[in-house]
């Protein structure tokens, strides 16, 4: 597919059609990958998608315990007053 580079203020950019945006589920941002003479645009995936389910599974397996204490024995909070 051929598309034109357009002027956007002091920069230049690509205009993507509504069809392409919908087909590839592109919302507000894309990932730009520069690779061996190519520029690849990829939709941003939701990196935290389904974390809630993973946390629920961890809780059921009792695997959601702290790896270290959230406070150290020698902490002195007086200096923060």
N, C-alpha and C. Protein backbone atom coordinates (compact mmCIF):
# COMPACT_ATOMS: atom_id res chain seq x y z
N UNK A 1 0.85 -1.17 0.00
CA UNK A 1 0.00 0.00 0.00
C UNK A 1 0.90 1.24 0.00
N UNK A 2 0.59 2.18 -0.81
CA UNK A 2 1.34 3.42 -0.88
C UNK A 2 0.54 4.52 -0.19
N UNK A 3 1.23 5.32 0.61
CA UNK A 3 0.58 6.44 1.27
C UNK A 3 1.53 7.64 1.26
N UNK A 4 0.99 8.81 1.38
CA UNK A 4 1.80 10.03 1.32
C UNK A 4 2.26 10.47 2.69
N UNK A 5 3.41 11.10 2.72
CA UNK A 5 3.90 11.76 3.92
C UNK A 5 3.30 13.17 3.90
N UNK A 6 2.66 13.57 5.01
CA UNK A 6 2.00 14.87 5.06
C UNK A 6 2.67 15.77 6.09
N UNK A 7 2.54 17.07 5.90
CA UNK A 7 3.10 18.05 6.83
C UNK A 7 2.15 18.20 8.00
N UNK A 8 2.71 18.13 9.22
CA UNK A 8 1.94 18.33 10.46
C UNK A 8 2.75 19.31 11.30
N UNK A 9 2.41 20.57 11.24
CA UNK A 9 3.17 21.59 11.94
C UNK A 9 4.58 21.65 11.38
N UNK A 10 5.59 21.55 12.26
CA UNK A 10 6.98 21.54 11.83
C UNK A 10 7.46 20.13 11.49
N UNK A 11 6.61 19.15 11.65
CA UNK A 11 6.97 17.74 11.43
C UNK A 11 6.26 17.20 10.20
N UNK A 12 6.46 15.93 9.97
CA UNK A 12 5.73 15.22 8.92
C UNK A 12 5.20 13.93 9.51
N UNK A 13 4.16 13.40 8.88
CA UNK A 13 3.56 12.20 9.42
C UNK A 13 2.83 11.41 8.36
N UNK A 14 2.25 10.31 8.79
CA UNK A 14 1.45 9.43 7.94
C UNK A 14 -0.01 9.57 8.35
N UNK A 15 -0.88 9.52 7.40
CA UNK A 15 -2.31 9.51 7.68
C UNK A 15 -2.79 8.08 7.45
N UNK A 16 -3.37 7.48 8.48
CA UNK A 16 -3.90 6.12 8.37
C UNK A 16 -5.42 6.19 8.26
N UNK A 17 -5.96 5.39 7.38
CA UNK A 17 -7.42 5.41 7.17
C UNK A 17 -8.14 4.79 8.38
N UNK A 18 -9.39 5.12 8.51
CA UNK A 18 -10.23 4.58 9.57
C UNK A 18 -10.27 3.05 9.49
N UNK A 19 -10.31 2.53 8.28
CA UNK A 19 -10.35 1.08 8.06
C UNK A 19 -9.11 0.41 8.65
N UNK A 20 -7.94 0.97 8.39
CA UNK A 20 -6.70 0.39 8.93
C UNK A 20 -6.68 0.49 10.44
N UNK A 21 -7.07 1.65 10.97
CA UNK A 21 -7.09 1.83 12.42
C UNK A 21 -8.00 0.80 13.09
N UNK A 22 -9.16 0.57 12.51
CA UNK A 22 -10.10 -0.40 13.09
C UNK A 22 -9.60 -1.82 12.92
N UNK A 23 -9.09 -2.15 11.72
CA UNK A 23 -8.64 -3.51 11.45
C UNK A 23 -7.52 -3.94 12.39
N UNK A 24 -6.59 -3.02 12.69
CA UNK A 24 -5.44 -3.36 13.54
C UNK A 24 -5.59 -2.87 14.97
N UNK A 25 -6.79 -2.42 15.31
CA UNK A 25 -7.12 -1.99 16.67
C UNK A 25 -6.12 -0.95 17.18
N UNK A 26 -5.87 0.06 16.36
CA UNK A 26 -4.97 1.14 16.73
C UNK A 26 -5.80 2.25 17.34
N UNK A 27 -5.44 2.64 18.55
CA UNK A 27 -6.18 3.70 19.26
C UNK A 27 -5.41 5.01 19.17
N UNK A 28 -4.65 5.35 20.21
CA UNK A 28 -3.96 6.63 20.28
C UNK A 28 -2.47 6.54 19.98
N UNK A 29 -1.88 5.37 20.18
CA UNK A 29 -0.44 5.24 20.02
C UNK A 29 -0.11 3.96 19.26
N UNK A 30 1.07 3.95 18.63
CA UNK A 30 1.60 2.74 18.00
C UNK A 30 3.04 2.56 18.45
N UNK A 31 3.52 1.34 18.37
CA UNK A 31 4.93 1.07 18.63
C UNK A 31 5.65 1.19 17.30
N UNK A 32 6.75 1.92 17.28
CA UNK A 32 7.54 2.14 16.08
C UNK A 32 8.80 1.30 16.19
N UNK A 33 8.98 0.37 15.24
CA UNK A 33 10.14 -0.52 15.24
C UNK A 33 10.96 -0.23 13.99
N UNK A 34 12.24 0.07 14.20
CA UNK A 34 13.15 0.32 13.09
C UNK A 34 13.98 -0.95 12.91
N UNK A 35 13.89 -1.55 11.71
CA UNK A 35 14.48 -2.87 11.51
C UNK A 35 15.00 -3.02 10.08
N UNK A 36 16.30 -3.11 9.92
CA UNK A 36 16.94 -3.42 8.64
C UNK A 36 16.27 -2.76 7.44
N UNK A 37 16.26 -1.45 7.41
CA UNK A 37 15.69 -0.74 6.28
C UNK A 37 14.17 -0.70 6.25
N UNK A 38 13.54 -1.07 7.33
CA UNK A 38 12.08 -1.08 7.42
C UNK A 38 11.63 -0.28 8.63
N UNK A 39 10.46 0.28 8.53
CA UNK A 39 9.80 0.91 9.67
C UNK A 39 8.50 0.13 9.87
N UNK A 40 8.34 -0.41 11.05
CA UNK A 40 7.16 -1.23 11.35
C UNK A 40 6.33 -0.50 12.40
N UNK A 41 5.05 -0.34 12.13
CA UNK A 41 4.11 0.22 13.09
C UNK A 41 3.28 -0.91 13.66
N UNK A 42 3.24 -1.00 14.98
CA UNK A 42 2.44 -2.04 15.62
C UNK A 42 1.52 -1.41 16.66
N UNK A 43 0.29 -1.91 16.77
CA UNK A 43 -0.60 -1.38 17.80
C UNK A 43 -0.01 -1.66 19.18
N UNK A 44 -0.24 -0.74 20.10
CA UNK A 44 0.20 -0.92 21.47
C UNK A 44 -0.75 -1.92 22.13
N UNK A 45 -0.20 -2.95 22.64
CA UNK A 45 -1.00 -3.95 23.36
C UNK A 45 -1.15 -3.49 24.81
N UNK A 46 -2.15 -3.95 25.48
CA UNK A 46 -2.34 -3.61 26.89
C UNK A 46 -1.42 -4.50 27.72
N UNK A 47 -0.32 -3.94 28.22
CA UNK A 47 0.65 -4.77 28.92
C UNK A 47 0.12 -5.36 30.22
N UNK A 48 -0.86 -4.74 30.82
CA UNK A 48 -1.38 -5.24 32.09
C UNK A 48 -2.72 -5.95 31.93
N UNK A 49 -3.06 -6.28 30.70
CA UNK A 49 -4.32 -6.96 30.44
C UNK A 49 -4.33 -8.30 31.19
N UNK A 50 -5.42 -8.57 31.85
CA UNK A 50 -5.65 -9.81 32.60
C UNK A 50 -4.78 -9.96 33.85
N UNK A 51 -4.12 -8.89 34.28
CA UNK A 51 -3.35 -8.98 35.52
C UNK A 51 -4.28 -9.30 36.69
N UNK A 52 -5.50 -8.77 36.65
CA UNK A 52 -6.43 -9.03 37.74
C UNK A 52 -6.68 -10.53 37.90
N UNK A 53 -6.79 -11.24 36.77
CA UNK A 53 -7.00 -12.69 36.84
C UNK A 53 -5.76 -13.40 37.39
N UNK A 54 -4.59 -12.93 36.98
CA UNK A 54 -3.35 -13.53 37.48
C UNK A 54 -3.21 -13.32 38.98
N UNK A 55 -3.58 -12.13 39.47
CA UNK A 55 -3.50 -11.85 40.90
C UNK A 55 -4.49 -12.71 41.68
N UNK A 56 -5.68 -12.91 41.13
CA UNK A 56 -6.65 -13.78 41.79
C UNK A 56 -6.12 -15.20 41.89
N UNK A 57 -5.50 -15.68 40.81
CA UNK A 57 -4.93 -17.03 40.81
C UNK A 57 -3.80 -17.14 41.84
N UNK A 58 -2.97 -16.10 41.92
CA UNK A 58 -1.89 -16.09 42.91
C UNK A 58 -2.46 -16.16 44.33
N UNK A 59 -3.53 -15.40 44.58
CA UNK A 59 -4.13 -15.41 45.91
C UNK A 59 -4.69 -16.78 46.25
N UNK A 60 -5.35 -17.43 45.28
CA UNK A 60 -5.90 -18.76 45.52
C UNK A 60 -4.80 -19.77 45.83
N UNK A 61 -3.62 -19.61 45.19
CA UNK A 61 -2.50 -20.52 45.41
C UNK A 61 -1.62 -20.08 46.57
N UNK A 62 -2.06 -19.05 47.29
CA UNK A 62 -1.29 -18.49 48.40
C UNK A 62 0.12 -18.10 47.95
N UNK A 63 0.20 -17.57 46.75
CA UNK A 63 1.48 -17.18 46.16
C UNK A 63 1.59 -15.65 46.06
N UNK A 64 0.87 -14.94 46.92
CA UNK A 64 0.88 -13.49 46.85
C UNK A 64 1.48 -12.87 48.11
N UNK A 65 2.41 -13.58 48.72
CA UNK A 65 3.06 -13.09 49.93
C UNK A 65 4.24 -12.20 49.55
N UNK A 66 4.56 -11.25 50.43
CA UNK A 66 5.71 -10.38 50.20
C UNK A 66 7.00 -11.20 50.22
N UNK A 67 7.92 -10.87 49.35
CA UNK A 67 9.20 -11.56 49.31
C UNK A 67 10.15 -11.02 50.37
N UNK A 68 9.89 -9.80 50.82
CA UNK A 68 10.67 -9.21 51.90
C UNK A 68 9.75 -8.31 52.71
N UNK A 69 10.13 -8.03 53.94
CA UNK A 69 9.31 -7.18 54.79
C UNK A 69 9.17 -5.80 54.16
N UNK A 70 8.01 -5.19 54.36
CA UNK A 70 7.83 -3.85 53.81
C UNK A 70 8.49 -2.79 54.69
N UNK A 71 8.97 -3.18 55.87
CA UNK A 71 9.75 -2.30 56.74
C UNK A 71 10.94 -3.08 57.26
N UNK A 72 12.04 -2.39 57.43
CA UNK A 72 13.22 -3.03 58.00
C UNK A 72 13.24 -2.78 59.50
N UNK A 73 13.84 -3.71 60.23
CA UNK A 73 13.88 -3.61 61.69
C UNK A 73 14.61 -2.35 62.16
N UNK A 74 15.58 -1.89 61.41
CA UNK A 74 16.39 -0.75 61.85
C UNK A 74 15.92 0.59 61.27
N UNK A 75 14.71 0.62 60.70
CA UNK A 75 14.22 1.87 60.13
C UNK A 75 13.89 2.86 61.25
N UNK A 76 14.25 4.12 61.02
CA UNK A 76 13.97 5.17 61.98
C UNK A 76 13.13 6.24 61.29
N UNK A 77 11.87 6.32 61.67
CA UNK A 77 10.98 7.26 61.04
C UNK A 77 11.02 8.64 61.70
N UNK A 78 11.75 8.77 62.82
CA UNK A 78 11.84 10.06 63.51
C UNK A 78 12.47 11.12 62.62
N UNK A 79 13.42 10.74 61.77
CA UNK A 79 14.08 11.71 60.91
C UNK A 79 13.15 12.28 59.84
N UNK A 80 11.99 11.68 59.63
CA UNK A 80 11.05 12.14 58.61
C UNK A 80 10.02 13.11 59.18
N UNK A 81 10.12 13.38 60.48
CA UNK A 81 9.14 14.27 61.12
C UNK A 81 9.51 15.71 60.92
